[in-house]
Amino acid sequence: DITNKLVNEYDIKDNLQEEMLRILLKRFIILCTRVAREKFSVSPEREKSFDIVRNFYVLVDNHFREKKMVRDYADMLNRSSKTLSNLFTTYGLPSPLRIIHERIEAEAKRLLLYSSKSAKEIADILGFEDQPTFSRFFKKMTGKSISEYRKTEKQE
């Protein structure tokens, strides 16, 4: 229902559109949070720990280019790396490091497919020390070299 309202709102061009989109987006986020709480059986006692998980995802989205270690995010959340790992295990989620790597991988794929940037430029954007390090990371994550990935994905 909300996604239909968002789509319909894009067609309305007036000075209230931005505010309406903002309100609908907030509503969408709240509903997604409620669904996640239900899926992970978050009781009121576990609400605080669930917020830590949510905040971790937000921090990763905002800082994945410059922060690659779980310790960096744990420090921002005033927790230990071990506490974060245990929390993610409790909710049956991938490890915090896996989440960081998957976010970097997603951005790398996006840049490889939708930009004309070289692998070296993408390595710089994503905060890798050099292009070979980025290439090894990408191959480990996807099972394909950068050139293989670009070639096969652009054909599809």
Foldseek 3Di string as FASTA:
>chain_A
DLVVVLVVLVVDDDPCSVVVNVVSVVVVVVVVVVVLCVVQVPDPVCVVLVVLVVVLLVVLLVCLLADQDLQVSCVVVVHGLVVQQVSCVSSVHPGSNVSSLVSLLVVLLCCLAPHPDDLQVSCVRSNHPGSVVVQVSNCVVPVDGSVVSSVVVVVD
